[in-house]
Amino acid sequence: MTQVAFHFNAPDKLAYVCRFARKALRHGSKLVIHGGGPTLKALSPRLWSLAPAEFLAHAGEGDEAQLLSLSPIALLESLDAAPHHDLLLNLGEQVPPQFQSFARVVEVVSATDEQDRWFARQRWKHYQAQGLEIVRHDLVLKG
């Protein structure tokens, strides 16, 4: 059964996603980041420029299938081409239709964007209706 976690109160969602991705890779996870085109386009350069020696290699839907399959991080608008199904980080407004094919799903929620928070509540309700247990991480409490 898919494990679902919500990470609430991210002051800068994309910066948090970069840190989360770095940590996931250090723990041996392969990561699919799902979201809309503009969000993924804004995220990509941030993954390449964390620190001079600490970029996070990634590929996206426009890349060759072999590159996508070898990349530890895949940025995808559609999960049809997901090269691995370990960890899904959702930046989209809706629950991804194929989320059940992943071992774990992480939802990142803004600290200040009320629309983002509203969509997160809808996704929470959807996961609950599926009978999934949800783990809540409050990023403000983690300091």
N, C-alpha and C. Protein backbone atom coordinates (compact mmCIF):
# COMPACT_ATOMS: atom_id res chain seq x y z
N MET A 1 0.84 -1.18 0.00
CA MET A 1 0.00 0.00 0.00
C MET A 1 0.89 1.25 0.00
N THR A 2 0.52 2.22 -0.77
CA THR A 2 1.28 3.47 -0.89
C THR A 2 1.28 4.23 0.43
N GLN A 3 2.46 4.70 0.82
CA GLN A 3 2.59 5.55 2.01
C GLN A 3 2.50 7.00 1.55
N VAL A 4 1.72 7.81 2.28
CA VAL A 4 1.52 9.22 1.92
C VAL A 4 1.98 10.10 3.07
N ALA A 5 2.74 11.14 2.74
CA ALA A 5 3.18 12.11 3.74
C ALA A 5 2.96 13.52 3.20
N PHE A 6 2.48 14.39 4.06
CA PHE A 6 2.34 15.81 3.74
C PHE A 6 3.39 16.58 4.53
N HIS A 7 4.13 17.44 3.84
CA HIS A 7 5.11 18.30 4.47
C HIS A 7 4.54 19.72 4.39
N PHE A 8 4.03 20.19 5.53
CA PHE A 8 3.33 21.47 5.59
C PHE A 8 4.26 22.62 5.94
N ASN A 9 3.84 23.82 5.55
CA ASN A 9 4.48 25.08 5.94
C ASN A 9 5.88 25.29 5.34
N ALA A 10 6.03 24.91 4.08
CA ALA A 10 7.29 25.17 3.39
C ALA A 10 7.34 26.66 3.03
N PRO A 11 8.30 27.41 3.56
CA PRO A 11 8.37 28.84 3.25
C PRO A 11 8.69 29.10 1.77
N ASP A 12 9.49 28.23 1.17
CA ASP A 12 9.83 28.31 -0.25
C ASP A 12 9.75 26.88 -0.77
N LYS A 13 8.65 26.55 -1.46
CA LYS A 13 8.41 25.16 -1.87
C LYS A 13 9.54 24.60 -2.72
N LEU A 14 10.00 25.36 -3.70
CA LEU A 14 11.02 24.82 -4.60
C LEU A 14 12.36 24.63 -3.89
N ALA A 15 12.70 25.52 -2.99
CA ALA A 15 13.93 25.33 -2.21
C ALA A 15 13.81 24.08 -1.33
N TYR A 16 12.64 23.89 -0.76
CA TYR A 16 12.43 22.70 0.06
C TYR A 16 12.50 21.43 -0.78
N VAL A 17 11.93 21.46 -1.97
CA VAL A 17 11.98 20.30 -2.87
C VAL A 17 13.43 19.96 -3.19
N CYS A 18 14.27 20.96 -3.43
CA CYS A 18 15.69 20.71 -3.71
C CYS A 18 16.36 20.01 -2.53
N ARG A 19 16.12 20.51 -1.33
CA ARG A 19 16.72 19.88 -0.14
C ARG A 19 16.18 18.46 0.05
N PHE A 20 14.87 18.29 -0.15
CA PHE A 20 14.25 16.98 -0.02
C PHE A 20 14.85 16.00 -1.03
N ALA A 21 15.00 16.44 -2.28
CA ALA A 21 15.55 15.59 -3.33
C ALA A 21 16.98 15.17 -2.99
N ARG A 22 17.79 16.11 -2.51
CA ARG A 22 19.17 15.79 -2.13
C ARG A 22 19.18 14.73 -1.04
N LYS A 23 18.32 14.88 -0.06
CA LYS A 23 18.25 13.91 1.04
C LYS A 23 17.76 12.55 0.54
N ALA A 24 16.76 12.54 -0.33
CA ALA A 24 16.24 11.28 -0.87
C ALA A 24 17.32 10.52 -1.63
N LEU A 25 18.09 11.24 -2.44
CA LEU A 25 19.16 10.59 -3.20
C LEU A 25 20.24 10.05 -2.28
N ARG A 26 20.56 10.78 -1.24
CA ARG A 26 21.56 10.30 -0.28
C ARG A 26 21.12 9.01 0.40
N HIS A 27 19.80 8.81 0.49
CA HIS A 27 19.26 7.59 1.11
C HIS A 27 18.97 6.51 0.07
N GLY A 28 19.41 6.72 -1.16
CA GLY A 28 19.28 5.71 -2.20
C GLY A 28 17.94 5.66 -2.91
N SER A 29 17.09 6.62 -2.70
CA SER A 29 15.79 6.65 -3.38
C SER A 29 15.92 7.25 -4.77
N LYS A 30 15.08 6.78 -5.66
CA LYS A 30 14.91 7.43 -6.96
C LYS A 30 13.60 8.20 -6.86
N LEU A 31 13.59 9.38 -7.45
CA LEU A 31 12.51 10.33 -7.21
C LEU A 31 11.86 10.78 -8.52
N VAL A 32 10.55 10.77 -8.52
CA VAL A 32 9.78 11.38 -9.61
C VAL A 32 9.11 12.61 -9.01
N ILE A 33 9.34 13.76 -9.64
CA ILE A 33 8.69 15.00 -9.20
C ILE A 33 7.63 15.33 -10.25
N HIS A 34 6.39 15.39 -9.79
CA HIS A 34 5.24 15.60 -10.68
C HIS A 34 4.69 17.01 -10.46
N GLY A 35 4.37 17.68 -11.55
CA GLY A 35 3.77 19.01 -11.44
C GLY A 35 3.49 19.57 -12.81
N GLY A 36 3.01 20.79 -12.82
CA GLY A 36 2.74 21.47 -14.08
C GLY A 36 4.03 21.95 -14.74
N GLY A 37 3.95 22.18 -16.04
CA GLY A 37 5.12 22.62 -16.80
C GLY A 37 5.84 23.83 -16.23
N PRO A 38 5.13 24.91 -15.89
CA PRO A 38 5.81 26.09 -15.36
C PRO A 38 6.55 25.81 -14.04
N THR A 39 5.95 24.99 -13.19
CA THR A 39 6.59 24.66 -11.91
C THR A 39 7.86 23.85 -12.15
N LEU A 40 7.77 22.84 -13.00
CA LEU A 40 8.93 22.00 -13.29
C LEU A 40 10.02 22.80 -14.00
N LYS A 41 9.62 23.71 -14.85
CA LYS A 41 10.59 24.56 -15.56
C LYS A 41 11.32 25.47 -14.57
N ALA A 42 10.63 25.95 -13.56
CA ALA A 42 11.27 26.79 -12.53
C ALA A 42 12.15 25.96 -11.61
N LEU A 43 11.78 24.70 -11.38
CA LEU A 43 12.54 23.83 -10.48
C LEU A 43 13.85 23.36 -11.10
N SER A 44 13.85 23.04 -12.38
CA SER A 44 15.01 22.45 -13.03
C SER A 44 16.32 23.21 -12.81
N PRO A 45 16.38 24.51 -13.08
CA PRO A 45 17.66 25.21 -12.86
C PRO A 45 18.07 25.24 -11.39
N ARG A 46 17.11 25.19 -10.50
CA ARG A 46 17.45 25.18 -9.07
C ARG A 46 18.10 23.87 -8.67
N LEU A 47 17.67 22.78 -9.30
CA LEU A 47 18.30 21.48 -9.01
C LEU A 47 19.73 21.43 -9.52
N TRP A 48 20.00 22.14 -10.62
CA TRP A 48 21.35 22.15 -11.18
C TRP A 48 22.29 23.06 -10.39
N SER A 49 21.75 23.99 -9.62
CA SER A 49 22.62 25.00 -9.02
C SER A 49 22.51 25.09 -7.50
N LEU A 50 22.35 23.95 -6.83
CA LEU A 50 22.30 23.98 -5.36
C LEU A 50 23.58 24.56 -4.79
N ALA A 51 24.69 23.96 -5.17
CA ALA A 51 26.02 24.41 -4.75
C ALA A 51 26.97 23.96 -5.86
N PRO A 52 28.14 24.57 -5.98
CA PRO A 52 29.02 24.23 -7.09
C PRO A 52 29.29 22.73 -7.25
N ALA A 53 29.47 22.02 -6.18
CA ALA A 53 29.76 20.58 -6.28
C ALA A 53 28.56 19.72 -5.92
N GLU A 54 27.39 20.32 -5.81
CA GLU A 54 26.25 19.57 -5.31
C GLU A 54 25.00 19.78 -6.16
N PHE A 55 25.13 19.60 -7.47
CA PHE A 55 23.95 19.70 -8.33
C PHE A 55 23.20 18.37 -8.27
N LEU A 56 21.92 18.40 -8.59
CA LEU A 56 21.10 17.19 -8.61
C LEU A 56 20.72 16.88 -10.05
N ALA A 57 21.40 15.90 -10.63
CA ALA A 57 21.14 15.52 -12.01
C ALA A 57 19.70 15.02 -12.15
N HIS A 58 19.06 15.43 -13.23
CA HIS A 58 17.68 15.06 -13.45
C HIS A 58 17.37 15.09 -14.94
N ALA A 59 16.24 14.49 -15.29
CA ALA A 59 15.78 14.50 -16.68
C ALA A 59 14.27 14.72 -16.67
N GLY A 60 13.75 15.04 -17.83
CA GLY A 60 12.32 15.31 -17.93
C GLY A 60 11.70 14.66 -19.15
N GLU A 61 10.43 14.90 -19.36
CA GLU A 61 9.68 14.26 -20.44
C GLU A 61 10.25 14.51 -21.83
N GLY A 62 10.89 15.63 -22.04
CA GLY A 62 11.44 15.93 -23.37
C GLY A 62 12.76 15.24 -23.64
N ASP A 63 13.33 14.59 -22.65
CA ASP A 63 14.63 13.93 -22.81
C ASP A 63 14.45 12.52 -23.38
N GLU A 64 15.55 11.97 -23.89
CA GLU A 64 15.51 10.61 -24.44
C GLU A 64 15.12 9.62 -23.35
N ALA A 65 14.45 8.55 -23.76
CA ALA A 65 13.96 7.53 -22.82
C ALA A 65 15.10 6.93 -21.99
N GLN A 66 16.26 6.70 -22.62
CA GLN A 66 17.38 6.11 -21.89
C GLN A 66 17.89 7.06 -20.82
N LEU A 67 18.00 8.34 -21.14
CA LEU A 67 18.44 9.32 -20.16
C LEU A 67 17.45 9.40 -19.01
N LEU A 68 16.17 9.41 -19.33
CA LEU A 68 15.13 9.45 -18.32
C LEU A 68 15.21 8.24 -17.40
N SER A 69 15.43 7.06 -17.97
CA SER A 69 15.48 5.85 -17.15
C SER A 69 16.72 5.79 -16.26
N LEU A 70 17.80 6.42 -16.68
CA LEU A 70 19.04 6.42 -15.89
C LEU A 70 19.09 7.53 -14.85
N SER A 71 18.25 8.53 -15.01
CA SER A 71 18.28 9.67 -14.11
C SER A 71 17.68 9.33 -12.75
N PRO A 72 18.34 9.73 -11.66
CA PRO A 72 17.78 9.46 -10.34
C PRO A 72 16.58 10.34 -10.00
N ILE A 73 16.44 11.45 -10.74
CA ILE A 73 15.30 12.35 -10.55
C ILE A 73 14.65 12.59 -11.91
N ALA A 74 13.34 12.36 -11.96
CA ALA A 74 12.58 12.61 -13.19
C ALA A 74 11.55 13.69 -12.92
N LEU A 75 11.53 14.72 -13.75
CA LEU A 75 10.54 15.80 -13.65
C LEU A 75 9.47 15.52 -14.70
N LEU A 76 8.25 15.21 -14.25
CA LEU A 76 7.22 14.76 -15.18
C LEU A 76 5.88 15.46 -14.96
N GLU A 77 5.26 15.87 -16.07
CA GLU A 77 3.88 16.37 -16.02
C GLU A 77 2.90 15.20 -16.06
N SER A 78 3.29 14.13 -16.74
CA SER A 78 2.46 12.93 -16.85
C SER A 78 3.26 11.76 -16.29
N LEU A 79 2.62 10.94 -15.49
CA LEU A 79 3.31 9.80 -14.89
C LEU A 79 3.34 8.59 -15.80
N ASP A 80 2.79 8.70 -17.01
CA ASP A 80 2.81 7.58 -17.95
C ASP A 80 4.24 7.14 -18.26
N ALA A 81 5.17 8.08 -18.26
CA ALA A 81 6.56 7.78 -18.62
C ALA A 81 7.46 7.63 -17.39
N ALA A 82 6.88 7.46 -16.22
CA ALA A 82 7.70 7.37 -14.99
C ALA A 82 8.68 6.20 -15.08
N PRO A 83 9.97 6.48 -14.97
CA PRO A 83 10.98 5.42 -15.12
C PRO A 83 11.15 4.56 -13.86
N HIS A 84 10.72 5.05 -12.74
CA HIS A 84 10.80 4.30 -11.49
C HIS A 84 9.63 4.69 -10.61
N HIS A 85 9.35 3.84 -9.62
CA HIS A 85 8.15 4.02 -8.81
C HIS A 85 8.43 3.93 -7.32
N ASP A 86 9.57 4.44 -6.92
CA ASP A 86 9.95 4.42 -5.51
C ASP A 86 9.26 5.56 -4.76
N LEU A 87 9.56 6.78 -5.16
CA LEU A 87 9.12 7.96 -4.43
C LEU A 87 8.57 9.00 -5.41
N LEU A 88 7.35 9.44 -5.15
CA LEU A 88 6.70 10.48 -5.96
C LEU A 88 6.53 11.72 -5.10
N LEU A 89 7.05 12.84 -5.57
CA LEU A 89 6.84 14.12 -4.91
C LEU A 89 5.89 14.91 -5.79
N ASN A 90 4.70 15.20 -5.27
CA ASN A 90 3.68 15.87 -6.06
C ASN A 90 3.68 17.37 -5.81
N LEU A 91 3.87 18.13 -6.88
CA LEU A 91 3.76 19.60 -6.81
C LEU A 91 2.52 20.08 -7.56
N GLY A 92 1.73 19.15 -8.04
CA GLY A 92 0.51 19.51 -8.78
C GLY A 92 -0.63 19.83 -7.83
N GLU A 93 -1.67 20.43 -8.38
CA GLU A 93 -2.83 20.79 -7.57
C GLU A 93 -3.70 19.59 -7.26
N GLN A 94 -3.70 18.59 -8.13
CA GLN A 94 -4.56 17.42 -7.98
C GLN A 94 -3.72 16.20 -7.57
N VAL A 95 -4.41 15.18 -7.09
CA VAL A 95 -3.76 13.90 -6.81
C VAL A 95 -3.40 13.28 -8.16
N PRO A 96 -2.16 12.89 -8.37
CA PRO A 96 -1.79 12.25 -9.64
C PRO A 96 -2.57 10.95 -9.84
N PRO A 97 -3.11 10.72 -11.04
CA PRO A 97 -3.96 9.55 -11.25
C PRO A 97 -3.27 8.21 -11.00
N GLN A 98 -1.96 8.13 -11.18
CA GLN A 98 -1.26 6.86 -10.99
C GLN A 98 -0.46 6.81 -9.69
N PHE A 99 -0.87 7.57 -8.68
CA PHE A 99 -0.08 7.63 -7.45
C PHE A 99 0.07 6.27 -6.78
N GLN A 100 -0.91 5.36 -6.96
CA GLN A 100 -0.87 4.06 -6.30
C GLN A 100 0.27 3.19 -6.81
N SER A 101 0.85 3.51 -7.94
CA SER A 101 1.96 2.71 -8.47
C SER A 101 3.29 3.04 -7.79
N PHE A 102 3.29 4.02 -6.89
CA PHE A 102 4.50 4.43 -6.17
C PHE A 102 4.47 3.88 -4.75
N ALA A 103 5.65 3.55 -4.23
CA ALA A 103 5.75 3.07 -2.85
C ALA A 103 5.41 4.19 -1.87
N ARG A 104 5.90 5.40 -2.19
CA ARG A 104 5.66 6.54 -1.30
C ARG A 104 5.28 7.78 -2.11
N VAL A 105 4.41 8.59 -1.52
CA VAL A 105 4.02 9.87 -2.12
C VAL A 105 4.26 10.95 -1.07
N VAL A 106 4.89 12.04 -1.50
CA VAL A 106 5.11 13.19 -0.63
C VAL A 106 4.44 14.40 -1.26
N GLU A 107 3.68 15.10 -0.45
CA GLU A 107 3.02 16.34 -0.86
C GLU A 107 3.67 17.49 -0.10
N VAL A 108 4.11 18.51 -0.81
CA VAL A 108 4.72 19.68 -0.18
C VAL A 108 3.72 20.83 -0.25
N VAL A 109 3.48 21.47 0.91
CA VAL A 109 2.45 22.51 1.01
C VAL A 109 3.09 23.82 1.47
N SER A 110 2.74 24.88 0.80
CA SER A 110 3.26 26.22 1.10
C SER A 110 2.84 26.70 2.49
N ALA A 111 3.69 27.52 3.07
CA ALA A 111 3.37 28.14 4.35
C ALA A 111 2.43 29.34 4.18
N THR A 112 2.46 29.96 2.99
CA THR A 112 1.76 31.23 2.83
C THR A 112 0.73 31.28 1.71
N ASP A 113 0.78 30.38 0.76
CA ASP A 113 -0.11 30.41 -0.39
C ASP A 113 -1.43 29.71 -0.04
N GLU A 114 -2.47 30.51 0.18
CA GLU A 114 -3.76 29.95 0.61
C GLU A 114 -4.38 29.04 -0.44
N GLN A 115 -4.19 29.34 -1.72
CA GLN A 115 -4.73 28.47 -2.76
C GLN A 115 -4.02 27.11 -2.73
N ASP A 116 -2.73 27.12 -2.55
CA ASP A 116 -1.96 25.88 -2.45
C ASP A 116 -2.45 25.07 -1.24
N ARG A 117 -2.70 25.73 -0.14
CA ARG A 117 -3.17 25.05 1.06
C ARG A 117 -4.57 24.46 0.84
N TRP A 118 -5.43 25.18 0.11
CA TRP A 118 -6.77 24.67 -0.18
C TRP A 118 -6.69 23.38 -1.02
N PHE A 119 -5.85 23.42 -2.07
CA PHE A 119 -5.68 22.22 -2.90
C PHE A 119 -5.10 21.07 -2.08
N ALA A 120 -4.19 21.38 -1.16
CA ALA A 120 -3.61 20.33 -0.31
C ALA A 120 -4.70 19.68 0.54
N ARG A 121 -5.62 20.46 1.07
CA ARG A 121 -6.73 19.88 1.86
C ARG A 121 -7.57 18.94 1.01
N GLN A 122 -7.79 19.29 -0.26
CA GLN A 122 -8.56 18.42 -1.16
C GLN A 122 -7.80 17.12 -1.41
N ARG A 123 -6.49 17.22 -1.61
CA ARG A 123 -5.70 16.00 -1.84
C ARG A 123 -5.70 15.13 -0.58
N TRP A 124 -5.58 15.75 0.59
CA TRP A 124 -5.62 15.01 1.86
C TRP A 124 -6.93 14.20 1.94
N LYS A 125 -8.05 14.88 1.66
CA LYS A 125 -9.36 14.20 1.70
C LYS A 125 -9.41 13.03 0.72
N HIS A 126 -8.83 13.22 -0.45
CA HIS A 126 -8.83 12.15 -1.46
C HIS A 126 -8.05 10.93 -0.95
N TYR A 127 -6.86 11.16 -0.42
CA TYR A 127 -6.05 10.05 0.11
C TYR A 127 -6.78 9.36 1.26
N GLN A 128 -7.39 10.15 2.14
CA GLN A 128 -8.15 9.58 3.25
C GLN A 128 -9.30 8.71 2.75
N ALA A 129 -9.99 9.19 1.73
CA ALA A 129 -11.11 8.43 1.16
C ALA A 129 -10.65 7.11 0.55
N GLN A 130 -9.38 7.04 0.17
CA GLN A 130 -8.81 5.81 -0.37
C GLN A 130 -8.40 4.85 0.75
N GLY A 131 -8.57 5.28 2.01
CA GLY A 131 -8.22 4.45 3.15
C GLY A 131 -6.74 4.47 3.49
N LEU A 132 -6.02 5.47 2.97
CA LEU A 132 -4.58 5.56 3.23
C LEU A 132 -4.30 6.33 4.51
N GLU A 133 -3.33 5.85 5.27
CA GLU A 133 -2.89 6.56 6.45
C GLU A 133 -1.93 7.66 6.00
N ILE A 134 -2.10 8.84 6.53
CA ILE A 134 -1.29 9.99 6.12
C ILE A 134 -0.40 10.43 7.27
N VAL A 135 0.88 10.64 6.96
CA VAL A 135 1.83 11.14 7.94
C VAL A 135 1.96 12.65 7.70
N ARG A 136 1.90 13.40 8.79
CA ARG A 136 1.96 14.87 8.71
C ARG A 136 3.29 15.35 9.26
N HIS A 137 4.03 16.15 8.47
CA HIS A 137 5.27 16.77 8.92
C HIS A 137 5.10 18.28 8.86
N ASP A 138 5.17 18.94 10.01
CA ASP A 138 5.06 20.40 10.05
C ASP A 138 6.48 20.97 10.02
N LEU A 139 6.84 21.62 8.92
CA LEU A 139 8.21 22.11 8.74
C LEU A 139 8.54 23.26 9.67
N VAL A 140 7.53 23.97 10.17
CA VAL A 140 7.77 25.05 11.11
C VAL A 140 8.28 24.47 12.44
N LEU A 141 7.70 23.36 12.85
CA LEU A 141 8.11 22.74 14.10
C LEU A 141 9.50 22.12 14.04
N LYS A 142 9.95 21.79 12.81
CA LYS A 142 11.28 21.20 12.65
C LYS A 142 12.38 22.24 12.72
N GLY A 143 11.99 23.52 12.54
CA GLY A 143 12.95 24.61 12.64
C GLY A 143 13.90 24.60 11.57
